Amino acid sequence: MLTAMGSGHSEERLISSRAGLNVAVGSTQSTNFASSSSIILSASNGRDAIWSGACAGSGNKPKICKVTITGNTLVT
């Protein structure tokens, strides 16, 4: 399961490369993806992002985060 919490500007959303996540700022959403699946997350407007949780090591404000599902995974 991947749980994502959106934060940032009110018009932005956190979206996944595979259908399932489309999280508004201030909201939390969980979606079941198969274990070992690779999911790419990004801001809907294509801007740089500051990631935490499973994406914390993604570098300096990258536009995307690639996360591999291993059990319950959290991204903010």
N, C-alpha and C. Protein backbone atom coordinates (compact mmCIF):
# COMPACT_ATOMS: atom_id res chain seq x y z
N MET A 1 0.85 -1.17 0.00
CA MET A 1 0.00 0.00 0.00
C MET A 1 0.90 1.24 0.00
N LEU A 2 0.54 2.21 -0.80
CA LEU A 2 1.24 3.49 -0.85
C LEU A 2 0.31 4.56 -0.30
N THR A 3 0.76 5.28 0.71
CA THR A 3 0.01 6.39 1.27
C THR A 3 0.76 7.67 0.95
N ALA A 4 0.05 8.65 0.40
CA ALA A 4 0.66 9.93 0.04
C ALA A 4 -0.11 11.07 0.69
N MET A 5 0.64 12.05 1.19
CA MET A 5 0.05 13.25 1.76
C MET A 5 0.53 14.43 0.93
N GLY A 6 -0.40 15.24 0.44
CA GLY A 6 -0.05 16.38 -0.39
C GLY A 6 0.10 17.64 0.44
N SER A 7 1.14 18.41 0.13
CA SER A 7 1.31 19.72 0.75
C SER A 7 1.92 20.64 -0.29
N GLY A 8 1.75 21.93 -0.11
CA GLY A 8 2.28 22.89 -1.08
C GLY A 8 1.25 23.94 -1.42
N HIS A 9 1.28 24.41 -2.66
CA HIS A 9 0.34 25.43 -3.12
C HIS A 9 -1.04 24.80 -3.34
N SER A 10 -2.08 25.54 -3.06
CA SER A 10 -3.44 24.98 -3.06
C SER A 10 -3.87 24.40 -4.40
N GLU A 11 -3.33 24.85 -5.50
CA GLU A 11 -3.76 24.35 -6.81
C GLU A 11 -3.02 23.08 -7.25
N GLU A 12 -2.02 22.66 -6.49
CA GLU A 12 -1.22 21.51 -6.87
C GLU A 12 -1.84 20.20 -6.39
N ARG A 13 -1.42 19.12 -7.06
CA ARG A 13 -1.83 17.77 -6.67
C ARG A 13 -0.61 16.87 -6.78
N LEU A 14 -0.59 15.80 -6.01
CA LEU A 14 0.45 14.77 -6.09
C LEU A 14 -0.14 13.63 -6.89
N ILE A 15 0.49 13.27 -8.01
CA ILE A 15 -0.07 12.25 -8.89
C ILE A 15 0.94 11.12 -9.10
N SER A 16 0.41 9.94 -9.45
CA SER A 16 1.26 8.77 -9.69
C SER A 16 1.27 8.41 -11.17
N SER A 17 2.36 7.75 -11.60
CA SER A 17 2.50 7.34 -12.99
C SER A 17 1.48 6.26 -13.36
N ARG A 18 1.12 5.46 -12.42
CA ARG A 18 0.06 4.46 -12.62
C ARG A 18 -1.21 5.00 -12.01
N ALA A 19 -2.33 4.67 -12.61
CA ALA A 19 -3.61 5.14 -12.07
C ALA A 19 -3.72 4.76 -10.61
N GLY A 20 -4.21 5.66 -9.81
CA GLY A 20 -4.43 5.33 -8.40
C GLY A 20 -4.27 6.49 -7.46
N LEU A 21 -3.26 7.33 -7.65
CA LEU A 21 -3.06 8.46 -6.73
C LEU A 21 -3.27 9.78 -7.44
N ASN A 22 -4.07 10.62 -6.83
CA ASN A 22 -4.31 11.98 -7.29
C ASN A 22 -4.72 12.76 -6.04
N VAL A 23 -3.71 13.26 -5.31
CA VAL A 23 -3.92 13.78 -3.96
C VAL A 23 -3.89 15.30 -3.95
N ALA A 24 -4.95 15.91 -3.48
CA ALA A 24 -5.01 17.37 -3.35
C ALA A 24 -4.17 17.81 -2.16
N VAL A 25 -3.68 19.04 -2.21
CA VAL A 25 -2.94 19.62 -1.09
C VAL A 25 -3.83 19.58 0.15
N GLY A 26 -3.26 19.17 1.26
CA GLY A 26 -4.01 19.08 2.52
C GLY A 26 -4.75 17.77 2.70
N SER A 27 -4.62 16.86 1.72
CA SER A 27 -5.32 15.58 1.78
C SER A 27 -4.33 14.43 1.88
N THR A 28 -4.86 13.28 2.26
CA THR A 28 -4.09 12.03 2.31
C THR A 28 -4.87 10.98 1.54
N GLN A 29 -4.16 10.16 0.77
CA GLN A 29 -4.80 9.10 0.01
C GLN A 29 -3.93 7.85 0.05
N SER A 30 -4.55 6.69 0.16
CA SER A 30 -3.85 5.41 0.12
C SER A 30 -4.37 4.60 -1.05
N THR A 31 -3.45 3.90 -1.72
CA THR A 31 -3.80 3.06 -2.86
C THR A 31 -2.99 1.77 -2.79
N ASN A 32 -3.61 0.67 -3.12
CA ASN A 32 -2.91 -0.61 -3.14
C ASN A 32 -2.19 -0.80 -4.47
N PHE A 33 -0.88 -0.99 -4.40
CA PHE A 33 -0.07 -1.38 -5.54
C PHE A 33 0.62 -2.68 -5.15
N ALA A 34 0.90 -3.53 -6.11
CA ALA A 34 1.58 -4.80 -5.81
C ALA A 34 2.95 -4.54 -5.21
N SER A 35 3.35 -5.38 -4.28
CA SER A 35 4.67 -5.28 -3.67
C SER A 35 5.73 -5.37 -4.76
N SER A 36 6.78 -4.60 -4.63
CA SER A 36 7.90 -4.49 -5.58
C SER A 36 7.57 -3.65 -6.81
N SER A 37 6.35 -3.09 -6.89
CA SER A 37 6.02 -2.20 -8.00
C SER A 37 6.83 -0.92 -7.89
N SER A 38 7.26 -0.39 -9.02
CA SER A 38 7.93 0.91 -9.05
C SER A 38 6.91 1.95 -9.50
N ILE A 39 6.75 2.99 -8.70
CA ILE A 39 5.78 4.04 -8.98
C ILE A 39 6.52 5.36 -9.06
N ILE A 40 6.19 6.16 -10.06
CA ILE A 40 6.78 7.50 -10.18
C ILE A 40 5.73 8.51 -9.73
N LEU A 41 6.13 9.38 -8.81
CA LEU A 41 5.25 10.42 -8.28
C LEU A 41 5.75 11.78 -8.75
N SER A 42 4.82 12.70 -8.95
CA SER A 42 5.19 14.05 -9.36
C SER A 42 4.10 15.03 -8.94
N ALA A 43 4.46 16.32 -8.97
CA ALA A 43 3.46 17.37 -8.75
C ALA A 43 2.72 17.56 -10.07
N SER A 44 1.43 17.81 -10.00
CA SER A 44 0.62 17.90 -11.21
C SER A 44 1.03 19.05 -12.13
N ASN A 45 1.65 20.08 -11.58
CA ASN A 45 2.03 21.23 -12.41
C ASN A 45 3.47 21.13 -12.93
N GLY A 46 4.15 20.01 -12.64
CA GLY A 46 5.50 19.80 -13.15
C GLY A 46 6.60 20.57 -12.44
N ARG A 47 6.28 21.21 -11.33
CA ARG A 47 7.28 21.99 -10.58
C ARG A 47 8.19 21.09 -9.78
N ASP A 48 9.33 21.65 -9.36
CA ASP A 48 10.23 20.96 -8.45
C ASP A 48 9.47 20.65 -7.16
N ALA A 49 9.92 19.62 -6.45
CA ALA A 49 9.23 19.22 -5.23
C ALA A 49 10.23 18.92 -4.12
N ILE A 50 9.79 19.05 -2.91
CA ILE A 50 10.56 18.63 -1.74
C ILE A 50 9.87 17.39 -1.20
N TRP A 51 10.55 16.25 -1.26
CA TRP A 51 9.96 14.98 -0.89
C TRP A 51 10.41 14.53 0.49
N SER A 52 9.58 13.73 1.15
CA SER A 52 9.97 13.10 2.41
C SER A 52 9.38 11.70 2.45
N GLY A 53 9.59 11.01 3.54
CA GLY A 53 9.15 9.62 3.62
C GLY A 53 10.01 8.75 2.71
N ALA A 54 9.39 7.87 1.95
CA ALA A 54 10.13 6.95 1.08
C ALA A 54 10.89 7.67 -0.02
N CYS A 55 10.56 8.92 -0.29
CA CYS A 55 11.24 9.69 -1.34
C CYS A 55 12.28 10.66 -0.78
N ALA A 56 12.58 10.58 0.49
CA ALA A 56 13.45 11.56 1.14
C ALA A 56 14.82 11.68 0.50
N GLY A 57 15.36 10.63 -0.06
CA GLY A 57 16.70 10.67 -0.64
C GLY A 57 16.70 10.97 -2.13
N SER A 58 15.68 11.64 -2.63
CA SER A 58 15.53 11.86 -4.07
C SER A 58 16.37 12.99 -4.63
N GLY A 59 17.14 13.67 -3.81
CA GLY A 59 17.98 14.74 -4.32
C GLY A 59 17.44 16.12 -3.99
N ASN A 60 17.98 17.13 -4.65
CA ASN A 60 17.65 18.52 -4.37
C ASN A 60 16.48 19.00 -5.22
N LYS A 61 15.29 18.94 -4.68
CA LYS A 61 14.06 19.41 -5.32
C LYS A 61 13.81 18.79 -6.71
N PRO A 62 13.84 17.48 -6.83
CA PRO A 62 13.58 16.85 -8.13
C PRO A 62 12.11 16.97 -8.51
N LYS A 63 11.83 16.92 -9.79
CA LYS A 63 10.45 16.99 -10.27
C LYS A 63 9.69 15.70 -10.01
N ILE A 64 10.41 14.58 -9.92
CA ILE A 64 9.76 13.28 -9.70
C ILE A 64 10.42 12.53 -8.56
N CYS A 65 9.70 11.55 -8.07
CA CYS A 65 10.24 10.60 -7.09
C CYS A 65 9.85 9.21 -7.55
N LYS A 66 10.81 8.32 -7.63
CA LYS A 66 10.53 6.92 -7.96
C LYS A 66 10.60 6.12 -6.67
N VAL A 67 9.52 5.46 -6.35
CA VAL A 67 9.45 4.69 -5.11
C VAL A 67 9.09 3.24 -5.44
N THR A 68 9.71 2.31 -4.74
CA THR A 68 9.39 0.89 -4.89
C THR A 68 8.56 0.47 -3.69
N ILE A 69 7.43 -0.13 -3.96
CA ILE A 69 6.51 -0.52 -2.90
C ILE A 69 7.07 -1.72 -2.14
N THR A 70 7.24 -1.53 -0.84
CA THR A 70 7.68 -2.61 0.05
C THR A 70 6.80 -2.57 1.29
N GLY A 71 5.69 -3.27 1.24
CA GLY A 71 4.75 -3.21 2.36
C GLY A 71 4.03 -1.88 2.38
N ASN A 72 3.83 -1.33 3.57
CA ASN A 72 3.19 -0.02 3.70
C ASN A 72 4.24 1.06 3.48
N THR A 73 4.05 1.91 2.49
CA THR A 73 5.01 2.93 2.10
C THR A 73 4.36 4.30 2.22
N LEU A 74 5.07 5.26 2.82
CA LEU A 74 4.55 6.61 3.02
C LEU A 74 5.39 7.61 2.26
N VAL A 75 4.72 8.53 1.56
CA VAL A 75 5.38 9.63 0.85
C VAL A 75 4.64 10.91 1.15
N THR A 76 5.40 11.98 1.39
CA THR A 76 4.80 13.31 1.55
C THR A 76 5.53 14.29 0.68
